[in-house]
Amino acid sequence: MDSNAISPLSPQAAIRQLTNDVAGAFDQAARQATAVQTREAVPAVGEGQAAPRPADDSRALQEAFQRLGDVAASLDRPINFAMVSDAPDSAVRVQDGETGKTLREMSQAEIQEISARVNRFQDTAGLFVDEKA
């Protein structure tokens, strides 16, 4: 057999390899993480008025928490999310699911952006893995 030949992977092995690659990327990102400013300014709120928070934003944030929590759990690195305060523009606290230790505080926009990236990655990975094989 040619030593340069690429051996085919089973669907399970391909998924395991992708999972390991994602886990490595998460670990590398966590080591290199620095504070990041959000890209969008929070609009000013008039005196005595609460900032508007559409139900869609809340639902989208909950879906992002669920998606990221599921991905982290699949990598045996459970995480939890908690709002820092009840304010509509509150930061999100990311906590280790086993120890409860705060890993990082992020803006809601950052959480949703990371979730969208994970979703795109999962969609792309799905193109390469045929679960029927």
N, C-alpha and C. Protein backbone atom coordinates (compact mmCIF):
# COMPACT_ATOMS: atom_id res chain seq x y z
N MET A 1 0.84 -1.17 0.00
CA MET A 1 0.00 0.00 0.00
C MET A 1 0.89 1.24 0.00
N ASP A 2 0.51 2.24 -0.75
CA ASP A 2 1.24 3.49 -0.84
C ASP A 2 1.22 4.20 0.51
N SER A 3 2.39 4.57 1.02
CA SER A 3 2.46 5.22 2.34
C SER A 3 1.85 6.62 2.32
N ASN A 4 1.67 7.20 1.13
CA ASN A 4 1.07 8.53 1.02
C ASN A 4 -0.44 8.48 0.81
N ALA A 5 -1.01 7.28 0.70
CA ALA A 5 -2.44 7.15 0.46
C ALA A 5 -3.23 7.60 1.68
N ILE A 6 -4.36 8.19 1.43
CA ILE A 6 -5.23 8.64 2.50
C ILE A 6 -6.28 7.56 2.73
N SER A 7 -6.36 7.09 3.96
CA SER A 7 -7.35 6.05 4.24
C SER A 7 -8.69 6.71 4.55
N PRO A 8 -9.78 6.12 4.05
CA PRO A 8 -11.10 6.71 4.29
C PRO A 8 -11.50 6.56 5.76
N LEU A 9 -12.26 7.53 6.24
CA LEU A 9 -12.75 7.49 7.61
C LEU A 9 -14.21 7.08 7.61
N SER A 10 -14.59 6.35 8.64
CA SER A 10 -16.00 6.04 8.81
C SER A 10 -16.70 7.34 9.21
N PRO A 11 -18.02 7.42 9.04
CA PRO A 11 -18.73 8.64 9.47
C PRO A 11 -18.48 8.96 10.95
N GLN A 12 -18.43 7.93 11.79
CA GLN A 12 -18.19 8.16 13.21
C GLN A 12 -16.78 8.72 13.44
N ALA A 13 -15.80 8.18 12.72
CA ALA A 13 -14.43 8.67 12.87
C ALA A 13 -14.30 10.09 12.35
N ALA A 14 -15.01 10.41 11.26
CA ALA A 14 -14.97 11.77 10.72
C ALA A 14 -15.58 12.75 11.71
N ILE A 15 -16.70 12.38 12.32
CA ILE A 15 -17.33 13.25 13.32
C ILE A 15 -16.42 13.41 14.52
N ARG A 16 -15.80 12.31 14.97
CA ARG A 16 -14.88 12.37 16.10
C ARG A 16 -13.71 13.31 15.79
N GLN A 17 -13.17 13.23 14.56
CA GLN A 17 -12.06 14.09 14.16
C GLN A 17 -12.51 15.56 14.15
N LEU A 18 -13.69 15.83 13.57
CA LEU A 18 -14.21 17.21 13.56
C LEU A 18 -14.42 17.72 14.98
N THR A 19 -14.94 16.87 15.86
CA THR A 19 -15.16 17.25 17.26
C THR A 19 -13.84 17.59 17.93
N ASN A 20 -12.81 16.77 17.69
CA ASN A 20 -11.50 17.05 18.27
C ASN A 20 -10.93 18.36 17.73
N ASP A 21 -11.12 18.61 16.44
CA ASP A 21 -10.64 19.86 15.84
C ASP A 21 -11.34 21.07 16.47
N VAL A 22 -12.66 20.95 16.67
CA VAL A 22 -13.42 22.05 17.28
C VAL A 22 -12.98 22.24 18.72
N ALA A 23 -12.79 21.15 19.45
CA ALA A 23 -12.34 21.25 20.84
C ALA A 23 -11.00 21.96 20.92
N GLY A 24 -10.10 21.62 20.02
CA GLY A 24 -8.80 22.29 19.98
C GLY A 24 -8.94 23.76 19.68
N ALA A 25 -9.84 24.10 18.77
CA ALA A 25 -10.06 25.51 18.44
C ALA A 25 -10.64 26.26 19.63
N PHE A 26 -11.59 25.63 20.36
CA PHE A 26 -12.15 26.27 21.56
C PHE A 26 -11.05 26.49 22.60
N ASP A 27 -10.21 25.47 22.82
CA ASP A 27 -9.13 25.60 23.80
C ASP A 27 -8.17 26.72 23.41
N GLN A 28 -7.79 26.77 22.14
CA GLN A 28 -6.88 27.81 21.67
C GLN A 28 -7.51 29.19 21.82
N ALA A 29 -8.77 29.32 21.47
CA ALA A 29 -9.46 30.60 21.60
C ALA A 29 -9.54 31.02 23.05
N ALA A 30 -9.78 30.08 23.95
CA ALA A 30 -9.87 30.40 25.38
C ALA A 30 -8.53 30.89 25.91
N ARG A 31 -7.44 30.29 25.44
CA ARG A 31 -6.10 30.72 25.88
C ARG A 31 -5.76 32.10 25.35
N GLN A 32 -6.24 32.42 24.16
CA GLN A 32 -5.89 33.69 23.53
C GLN A 32 -6.94 34.77 23.76
N ALA A 33 -7.99 34.46 24.51
CA ALA A 33 -9.11 35.39 24.69
C ALA A 33 -8.66 36.66 25.41
N THR A 34 -9.12 37.76 24.90
CA THR A 34 -8.89 39.06 25.53
C THR A 34 -10.21 39.81 25.53
N ALA A 35 -10.27 40.84 26.33
CA ALA A 35 -11.49 41.64 26.37
C ALA A 35 -11.73 42.26 25.00
N VAL A 36 -12.98 42.24 24.57
CA VAL A 36 -13.35 42.76 23.27
C VAL A 36 -14.45 43.79 23.43
N GLN A 37 -14.33 44.91 22.74
CA GLN A 37 -15.40 45.89 22.74
C GLN A 37 -16.47 45.44 21.78
N THR A 38 -17.71 45.72 22.15
CA THR A 38 -18.78 45.39 21.22
C THR A 38 -18.74 46.36 20.06
N ARG A 39 -19.26 45.93 18.93
CA ARG A 39 -19.21 46.74 17.72
C ARG A 39 -20.33 47.76 17.65
N GLU A 40 -21.44 47.48 18.32
CA GLU A 40 -22.58 48.36 18.24
C GLU A 40 -22.75 49.12 19.55
N ALA A 41 -23.01 50.41 19.43
CA ALA A 41 -23.25 51.21 20.61
C ALA A 41 -24.67 50.96 21.11
N VAL A 42 -24.83 51.00 22.42
CA VAL A 42 -26.15 50.83 23.00
C VAL A 42 -26.87 52.17 22.88
N PRO A 43 -28.09 52.19 22.34
CA PRO A 43 -28.80 53.46 22.20
C PRO A 43 -29.12 54.08 23.56
N ALA A 44 -29.12 55.38 23.60
CA ALA A 44 -29.44 56.09 24.83
C ALA A 44 -30.89 55.84 25.19
N VAL A 45 -31.15 55.82 26.47
CA VAL A 45 -32.51 55.61 26.96
C VAL A 45 -32.95 56.89 27.66
N GLY A 46 -34.17 57.32 27.34
CA GLY A 46 -34.70 58.52 27.97
C GLY A 46 -34.91 58.30 29.46
N GLU A 47 -34.99 59.41 30.21
CA GLU A 47 -35.17 59.30 31.65
C GLU A 47 -36.46 58.56 31.98
N GLY A 48 -36.36 57.61 32.92
CA GLY A 48 -37.53 56.91 33.37
C GLY A 48 -38.08 55.89 32.38
N GLN A 49 -37.41 55.70 31.25
CA GLN A 49 -37.88 54.72 30.27
C GLN A 49 -36.94 53.53 30.26
N ALA A 50 -37.52 52.38 30.09
CA ALA A 50 -36.70 51.16 29.97
C ALA A 50 -36.34 50.98 28.50
N ALA A 51 -35.15 50.45 28.27
CA ALA A 51 -34.74 50.18 26.90
C ALA A 51 -35.62 49.08 26.33
N PRO A 52 -36.03 49.21 25.08
CA PRO A 52 -36.87 48.17 24.50
C PRO A 52 -36.10 46.87 24.33
N ARG A 53 -36.77 45.78 24.60
CA ARG A 53 -36.15 44.46 24.42
C ARG A 53 -37.18 43.54 23.80
N PRO A 54 -37.19 43.44 22.50
CA PRO A 54 -38.17 42.59 21.84
C PRO A 54 -38.07 41.15 22.30
N ALA A 55 -39.20 40.48 22.30
CA ALA A 55 -39.24 39.07 22.70
C ALA A 55 -38.34 38.23 21.79
N ASP A 56 -38.21 38.64 20.52
CA ASP A 56 -37.37 37.90 19.59
C ASP A 56 -35.91 37.89 20.04
N ASP A 57 -35.43 39.02 20.59
CA ASP A 57 -34.05 39.08 21.06
C ASP A 57 -33.84 38.10 22.21
N SER A 58 -34.78 38.05 23.13
CA SER A 58 -34.68 37.15 24.27
C SER A 58 -34.70 35.70 23.80
N ARG A 59 -35.59 35.38 22.88
CA ARG A 59 -35.68 34.01 22.37
C ARG A 59 -34.40 33.63 21.62
N ALA A 60 -33.88 34.55 20.82
CA ALA A 60 -32.66 34.29 20.07
C ALA A 60 -31.48 34.06 21.02
N LEU A 61 -31.44 34.82 22.10
CA LEU A 61 -30.37 34.66 23.08
C LEU A 61 -30.48 33.29 23.77
N GLN A 62 -31.69 32.89 24.12
CA GLN A 62 -31.89 31.58 24.74
C GLN A 62 -31.49 30.45 23.79
N GLU A 63 -31.80 30.62 22.50
CA GLU A 63 -31.41 29.61 21.51
C GLU A 63 -29.88 29.56 21.38
N ALA A 64 -29.23 30.72 21.46
CA ALA A 64 -27.77 30.76 21.40
C ALA A 64 -27.17 30.05 22.62
N PHE A 65 -27.75 30.31 23.81
CA PHE A 65 -27.28 29.62 25.01
C PHE A 65 -27.40 28.11 24.83
N GLN A 66 -28.54 27.67 24.32
CA GLN A 66 -28.79 26.24 24.14
C GLN A 66 -27.80 25.63 23.15
N ARG A 67 -27.61 26.28 22.01
CA ARG A 67 -26.71 25.76 20.98
C ARG A 67 -25.29 25.66 21.51
N LEU A 68 -24.79 26.72 22.14
CA LEU A 68 -23.41 26.71 22.64
C LEU A 68 -23.25 25.73 23.79
N GLY A 69 -24.27 25.63 24.65
CA GLY A 69 -24.22 24.66 25.74
C GLY A 69 -24.18 23.23 25.22
N ASP A 70 -24.96 22.95 24.17
CA ASP A 70 -24.97 21.61 23.57
C ASP A 70 -23.61 21.27 22.96
N VAL A 71 -23.02 22.23 22.26
CA VAL A 71 -21.71 21.98 21.64
C VAL A 71 -20.66 21.74 22.71
N ALA A 72 -20.65 22.56 23.74
CA ALA A 72 -19.67 22.39 24.81
C ALA A 72 -19.87 21.05 25.53
N ALA A 73 -21.12 20.67 25.77
CA ALA A 73 -21.40 19.39 26.43
C ALA A 73 -20.96 18.22 25.57
N SER A 74 -21.11 18.34 24.25
CA SER A 74 -20.69 17.26 23.35
C SER A 74 -19.17 17.10 23.37
N LEU A 75 -18.47 18.13 23.80
CA LEU A 75 -17.01 18.08 23.91
C LEU A 75 -16.56 17.78 25.34
N ASP A 76 -17.51 17.34 26.18
CA ASP A 76 -17.25 17.06 27.60
C ASP A 76 -16.70 18.28 28.34
N ARG A 77 -17.18 19.45 27.96
CA ARG A 77 -16.79 20.70 28.62
C ARG A 77 -18.05 21.51 28.88
N PRO A 78 -18.91 21.05 29.79
CA PRO A 78 -20.18 21.73 30.01
C PRO A 78 -19.98 23.17 30.49
N ILE A 79 -20.82 24.06 29.97
CA ILE A 79 -20.80 25.45 30.40
C ILE A 79 -22.23 25.90 30.67
N ASN A 80 -22.34 26.91 31.51
CA ASN A 80 -23.63 27.51 31.82
C ASN A 80 -23.55 29.00 31.51
N PHE A 81 -24.71 29.59 31.27
CA PHE A 81 -24.78 31.01 30.99
C PHE A 81 -25.70 31.67 32.00
N ALA A 82 -25.33 32.88 32.42
CA ALA A 82 -26.16 33.64 33.35
C ALA A 82 -26.05 35.11 33.01
N MET A 83 -27.18 35.80 33.07
CA MET A 83 -27.16 37.24 32.86
C MET A 83 -26.53 37.88 34.10
N VAL A 84 -25.69 38.88 33.90
CA VAL A 84 -25.02 39.54 35.01
C VAL A 84 -26.02 40.35 35.82
N SER A 85 -27.00 40.97 35.15
CA SER A 85 -28.04 41.73 35.84
C SER A 85 -29.33 41.62 35.05
N ASP A 86 -30.38 42.27 35.55
CA ASP A 86 -31.67 42.25 34.86
C ASP A 86 -31.77 43.33 33.78
N ALA A 87 -30.73 44.13 33.62
CA ALA A 87 -30.76 45.20 32.62
C ALA A 87 -30.83 44.59 31.22
N PRO A 88 -31.56 45.23 30.30
CA PRO A 88 -31.71 44.69 28.94
C PRO A 88 -30.38 44.51 28.20
N ASP A 89 -29.40 45.34 28.49
CA ASP A 89 -28.11 45.24 27.81
C ASP A 89 -27.05 44.57 28.69
N SER A 90 -27.51 43.77 29.64
CA SER A 90 -26.63 43.11 30.60
C SER A 90 -25.64 42.20 29.89
N ALA A 91 -24.46 42.10 30.48
CA ALA A 91 -23.46 41.16 29.98
C ALA A 91 -23.90 39.75 30.35
N VAL A 92 -23.28 38.78 29.72
CA VAL A 92 -23.56 37.36 29.97
C VAL A 92 -22.34 36.75 30.64
N ARG A 93 -22.57 36.06 31.72
CA ARG A 93 -21.48 35.37 32.43
C ARG A 93 -21.44 33.94 31.92
N VAL A 94 -20.26 33.50 31.46
CA VAL A 94 -20.05 32.13 31.00
C VAL A 94 -19.34 31.41 32.13
N GLN A 95 -19.96 30.31 32.60
CA GLN A 95 -19.44 29.59 33.76
C GLN A 95 -19.14 28.14 33.42
N ASP A 96 -18.10 27.61 34.08
CA ASP A 96 -17.79 26.19 33.95
C ASP A 96 -18.97 25.42 34.52
N GLY A 97 -19.48 24.45 33.75
CA GLY A 97 -20.65 23.70 34.17
C GLY A 97 -20.41 22.78 35.35
N GLU A 98 -19.16 22.42 35.61
CA GLU A 98 -18.85 21.51 36.71
C GLU A 98 -18.48 22.26 37.98
N THR A 99 -17.67 23.31 37.86
CA THR A 99 -17.19 24.03 39.05
C THR A 99 -17.97 25.29 39.35
N GLY A 100 -18.68 25.83 38.35
CA GLY A 100 -19.40 27.08 38.55
C GLY A 100 -18.50 28.30 38.44
N LYS A 101 -17.22 28.08 38.19
CA LYS A 101 -16.25 29.17 38.08
C LYS A 101 -16.58 30.02 36.85
N THR A 102 -16.54 31.35 37.01
CA THR A 102 -16.77 32.24 35.88
C THR A 102 -15.56 32.18 34.95
N LEU A 103 -15.83 31.84 33.70
CA LEU A 103 -14.76 31.74 32.70
C LEU A 103 -14.56 33.07 31.99
N ARG A 104 -15.69 33.78 31.77
CA ARG A 104 -15.62 35.01 31.00
C ARG A 104 -16.97 35.72 31.07
N GLU A 105 -16.95 37.03 30.91
CA GLU A 105 -18.17 37.79 30.72
C GLU A 105 -18.14 38.37 29.32
N MET A 106 -19.27 38.23 28.61
CA MET A 106 -19.34 38.66 27.22
C MET A 106 -20.63 39.44 27.00
N SER A 107 -20.64 40.21 25.93
CA SER A 107 -21.87 40.90 25.57
C SER A 107 -22.83 39.90 24.94
N GLN A 108 -24.11 40.24 24.95
CA GLN A 108 -25.11 39.39 24.31
C GLN A 108 -24.83 39.25 22.82
N ALA A 109 -24.38 40.33 22.21
CA ALA A 109 -24.07 40.29 20.77
C ALA A 109 -22.95 39.31 20.48
N GLU A 110 -21.93 39.25 21.34
CA GLU A 110 -20.83 38.30 21.14
C GLU A 110 -21.32 36.86 21.24
N ILE A 111 -22.20 36.60 22.20
CA ILE A 111 -22.75 35.25 22.37
C ILE A 111 -23.51 34.84 21.11
N GLN A 112 -24.33 35.74 20.60
CA GLN A 112 -25.12 35.43 19.41
C GLN A 112 -24.23 35.26 18.18
N GLU A 113 -23.16 36.04 18.10
CA GLU A 113 -22.24 35.91 16.96
C GLU A 113 -21.50 34.57 17.00
N ILE A 114 -21.05 34.17 18.16
CA ILE A 114 -20.36 32.87 18.30
C ILE A 114 -21.32 31.74 17.96
N SER A 115 -22.55 31.86 18.45
CA SER A 115 -23.56 30.84 18.16
C SER A 115 -23.80 30.73 16.65
N ALA A 116 -23.88 31.85 15.97
CA ALA A 116 -24.08 31.84 14.52
C ALA A 116 -22.90 31.18 13.81
N ARG A 117 -21.69 31.44 14.30
CA ARG A 117 -20.50 30.81 13.70
C ARG A 117 -20.53 29.30 13.89
N VAL A 118 -20.90 28.86 15.10
CA VAL A 118 -21.00 27.42 15.38
C VAL A 118 -22.05 26.80 14.47
N ASN A 119 -23.17 27.47 14.30
CA ASN A 119 -24.24 26.97 13.44
C ASN A 119 -23.74 26.81 12.00
N ARG A 120 -23.02 27.83 11.50
CA ARG A 120 -22.48 27.74 10.14
C ARG A 120 -21.48 26.60 10.02
N PHE A 121 -20.65 26.42 11.06
CA PHE A 121 -19.68 25.33 11.05
C PHE A 121 -20.39 23.99 11.01
N GLN A 122 -21.43 23.82 11.82
CA GLN A 122 -22.17 22.56 11.84
C GLN A 122 -22.83 22.30 10.50
N ASP A 123 -23.37 23.34 9.88
CA ASP A 123 -23.98 23.19 8.55
C ASP A 123 -22.93 22.76 7.53
N THR A 124 -21.76 23.39 7.59
CA THR A 124 -20.69 23.06 6.66
C THR A 124 -20.17 21.65 6.89
N ALA A 125 -19.97 21.28 8.14
CA ALA A 125 -19.49 19.93 8.46
C ALA A 125 -20.49 18.89 7.98
N GLY A 126 -21.77 19.22 8.04
CA GLY A 126 -22.80 18.31 7.59
C GLY A 126 -22.72 18.01 6.10
N LEU A 127 -22.15 18.91 5.34
CA LEU A 127 -21.97 18.69 3.91
C LEU A 127 -20.95 17.59 3.63
N PHE A 128 -20.02 17.38 4.55
CA PHE A 128 -18.94 16.42 4.34
C PHE A 128 -19.22 15.06 4.96
N VAL A 129 -20.20 14.98 5.83
CA VAL A 129 -20.47 13.74 6.53
C VAL A 129 -21.86 13.26 6.17
N ASP A 130 -21.91 12.09 5.55
CA ASP A 130 -23.20 11.49 5.18
C ASP A 130 -23.55 10.48 6.26
N GLU A 131 -24.53 10.81 7.10
CA GLU A 131 -24.87 9.94 8.22
C GLU A 131 -25.51 8.63 7.78
N LYS A 132 -25.92 8.52 6.52
CA LYS A 132 -26.54 7.29 6.03
C LYS A 132 -25.50 6.25 5.62
N ALA A 133 -24.26 6.67 5.47
CA ALA A 133 -23.21 5.76 4.99
C ALA A 133 -22.91 4.68 5.99
